[in-house]
Amino acid sequence: MSFSAFSQKTESTTLAKIKLTIDDQQVIVNLLDTPASHQLLALLPLTLTFSDYVSAEKIAYLPQRLITQGMSSAAHISGDFTYYAPWGNLALFYQGVGTNSQLYTLGHIESGRSVLANLKQDFVATISRVE
């Protein structure tokens, strides 16, 4: 299936649930049905190093860029799981609100936002699909 075959109307539909495992803690994310989300799912499981960015988000760089063609950019809102196209990184917003025309929402954090907020150092997380 071509990633360009997805329409913007699917961006509010849940595609899958994923988890970030950090030591013995988990962050659960509801992944939206977008071309970039499908591409991310194909990369899982994935182990990445995350760091804090501006005391509002945790970011990690993917091994390859995601396709954002046809997706609408979105405001980042506390609890969003996003992809920042210029840097090719995931960004998990645990607080704050803002906008950027090259930020794309991949999903929403269902649980574990406080886990992210309490992590002050870089950390390694394994991202996998919840079956």
Protein backbone atom coordinates (compact mmCIF):
# COMPACT_ATOMS: atom_id res chain seq x y z
CA MET A 1 0.00 0.00 0.00
CA SER A 2 1.29 3.44 -0.86
CA PHE A 3 1.68 5.92 1.98
CA SER A 4 0.15 8.60 -0.27
CA ALA A 5 -3.08 6.57 -0.36
CA PHE A 6 -4.03 7.75 3.14
CA SER A 7 -6.28 10.76 3.39
CA GLN A 8 -6.31 13.39 6.08
CA LYS A 9 -9.67 12.15 7.37
CA THR A 10 -7.93 9.11 8.88
CA GLU A 11 -5.73 11.27 11.10
CA SER A 12 -8.25 11.10 13.95
CA THR A 13 -8.59 7.29 13.81
CA THR A 14 -6.49 5.16 16.15
CA LEU A 15 -4.17 2.86 14.24
CA ALA A 16 -2.46 1.04 17.10
CA LYS A 17 -1.25 1.34 20.66
CA ILE A 18 2.49 1.51 21.30
CA LYS A 19 4.56 1.62 24.47
CA LEU A 20 7.85 3.16 25.43
CA THR A 21 9.60 1.03 28.03
CA ILE A 22 12.04 2.97 30.20
CA ASP A 23 13.67 0.69 32.78
CA ASP A 24 10.64 -0.65 34.68
CA GLN A 25 8.26 2.15 33.62
CA GLN A 26 6.02 2.50 30.58
CA VAL A 27 4.52 5.30 28.54
CA ILE A 28 1.49 4.23 26.49
CA VAL A 29 0.64 6.06 23.25
CA ASN A 30 -2.43 5.80 21.02
CA LEU A 31 -0.97 6.04 17.53
CA LEU A 32 -3.12 7.82 14.92
CA ASP A 33 -3.76 6.46 11.44
CA THR A 34 -1.33 8.58 9.38
CA PRO A 35 1.25 7.71 6.71
CA ALA A 36 4.08 8.53 9.13
CA SER A 37 2.55 6.35 11.86
CA HIS A 38 2.38 3.38 9.48
CA GLN A 39 6.03 3.90 8.62
CA LEU A 40 6.97 4.15 12.32
CA LEU A 41 5.12 0.90 13.10
CA ALA A 42 7.16 -0.85 10.42
CA LEU A 43 10.37 0.15 12.27
CA LEU A 44 9.28 -1.36 15.62
CA PRO A 45 10.65 -2.57 17.94
CA LEU A 46 13.09 0.30 18.15
CA THR A 47 15.49 1.36 20.91
CA LEU A 48 16.29 5.08 21.02
CA THR A 49 18.07 7.53 23.30
CA PHE A 50 15.84 10.42 24.39
CA SER A 51 16.88 13.76 25.80
CA ASP A 52 14.99 16.71 27.23
CA TYR A 53 14.33 19.69 25.00
CA VAL A 54 13.25 23.06 26.47
CA SER A 55 11.77 21.40 29.57
CA ALA A 56 8.60 20.56 27.62
CA GLU A 57 9.40 17.58 25.44
CA LYS A 58 11.57 14.49 25.15
CA ILE A 59 13.17 13.98 21.75
CA ALA A 60 14.91 11.12 19.95
CA TYR A 61 16.25 10.79 16.43
CA LEU A 62 14.90 8.05 14.19
CA PRO A 63 17.18 5.90 12.00
CA GLN A 64 15.27 7.14 8.92
CA ARG A 65 12.95 10.01 8.09
CA LEU A 66 9.19 9.52 8.05
CA ILE A 67 6.91 10.47 5.16
CA THR A 68 4.75 13.49 5.99
CA GLN A 69 3.40 14.23 2.51
CA GLY A 70 -0.34 14.73 2.65
CA MET A 71 -0.38 15.15 6.44
CA SER A 72 -1.52 18.38 8.01
CA SER A 73 0.78 20.04 10.52
CA ALA A 74 -0.55 20.52 14.01
CA ALA A 75 -0.08 22.50 17.16
CA HIS A 76 1.79 20.56 19.80
CA ILE A 77 -0.22 20.11 22.93
CA SER A 78 0.81 18.57 26.20
CA GLY A 79 0.37 14.85 25.73
CA ASP A 80 1.06 14.73 21.99
CA PHE A 81 3.42 12.21 20.38
CA THR A 82 4.83 14.03 17.35
CA TYR A 83 7.37 13.99 14.54
CA TYR A 84 9.45 17.08 13.73
CA ALA A 85 10.28 16.79 10.02
CA PRO A 86 13.28 19.17 9.72
CA TRP A 87 15.31 17.27 12.34
CA GLY A 88 13.82 13.82 11.73
CA ASN A 89 13.02 13.31 15.40
CA LEU A 90 10.20 12.10 17.59
CA ALA A 91 9.00 14.60 20.18
CA LEU A 92 6.87 13.62 23.16
CA PHE A 93 5.30 16.71 24.72
CA TYR A 94 4.80 16.22 28.43
CA GLN A 95 3.84 19.86 28.97
CA GLY A 96 3.32 23.08 27.05
CA VAL A 97 1.40 24.19 23.99
CA GLY A 98 2.63 25.75 20.74
CA THR A 99 2.70 25.56 16.97
CA ASN A 100 5.15 24.75 14.20
CA SER A 101 4.31 24.21 10.55
CA GLN A 102 6.67 21.21 10.28
CA LEU A 103 5.48 19.34 13.37
CA TYR A 104 3.14 16.40 12.77
CA THR A 105 1.00 14.60 15.35
CA LEU A 106 1.53 10.83 15.32
CA GLY A 107 -0.53 10.10 18.41
CA HIS A 108 -1.46 11.00 21.95
CA ILE A 109 0.03 9.86 25.25
CA GLU A 110 -2.56 7.76 27.07
CA SER A 111 -0.54 7.24 30.23
CA GLY A 112 2.94 7.95 31.57
CA ARG A 113 3.29 11.68 30.99
CA SER A 114 4.52 12.10 34.56
CA VAL A 115 7.21 9.48 33.88
CA LEU A 116 8.56 11.71 31.10
CA ALA A 117 8.36 14.86 33.23
CA ASN A 118 10.32 13.24 36.07
CA LEU A 119 13.21 12.06 33.87
CA LYS A 120 15.89 14.74 34.10
CA GLN A 121 18.74 12.91 32.32
CA ASP A 122 18.98 11.32 28.90
CA PHE A 123 17.40 7.87 28.86
CA VAL A 124 17.05 4.85 26.62
CA ALA A 125 13.57 3.65 25.71
CA THR A 126 12.38 0.69 23.68
CA ILE A 127 9.34 1.45 21.55
CA SER A 128 7.15 -1.52 20.70
CA ARG A 129 3.62 -2.28 19.63
CA VAL A 130 1.14 -3.26 22.34
CA GLU A 131 -0.47 -6.52 21.20
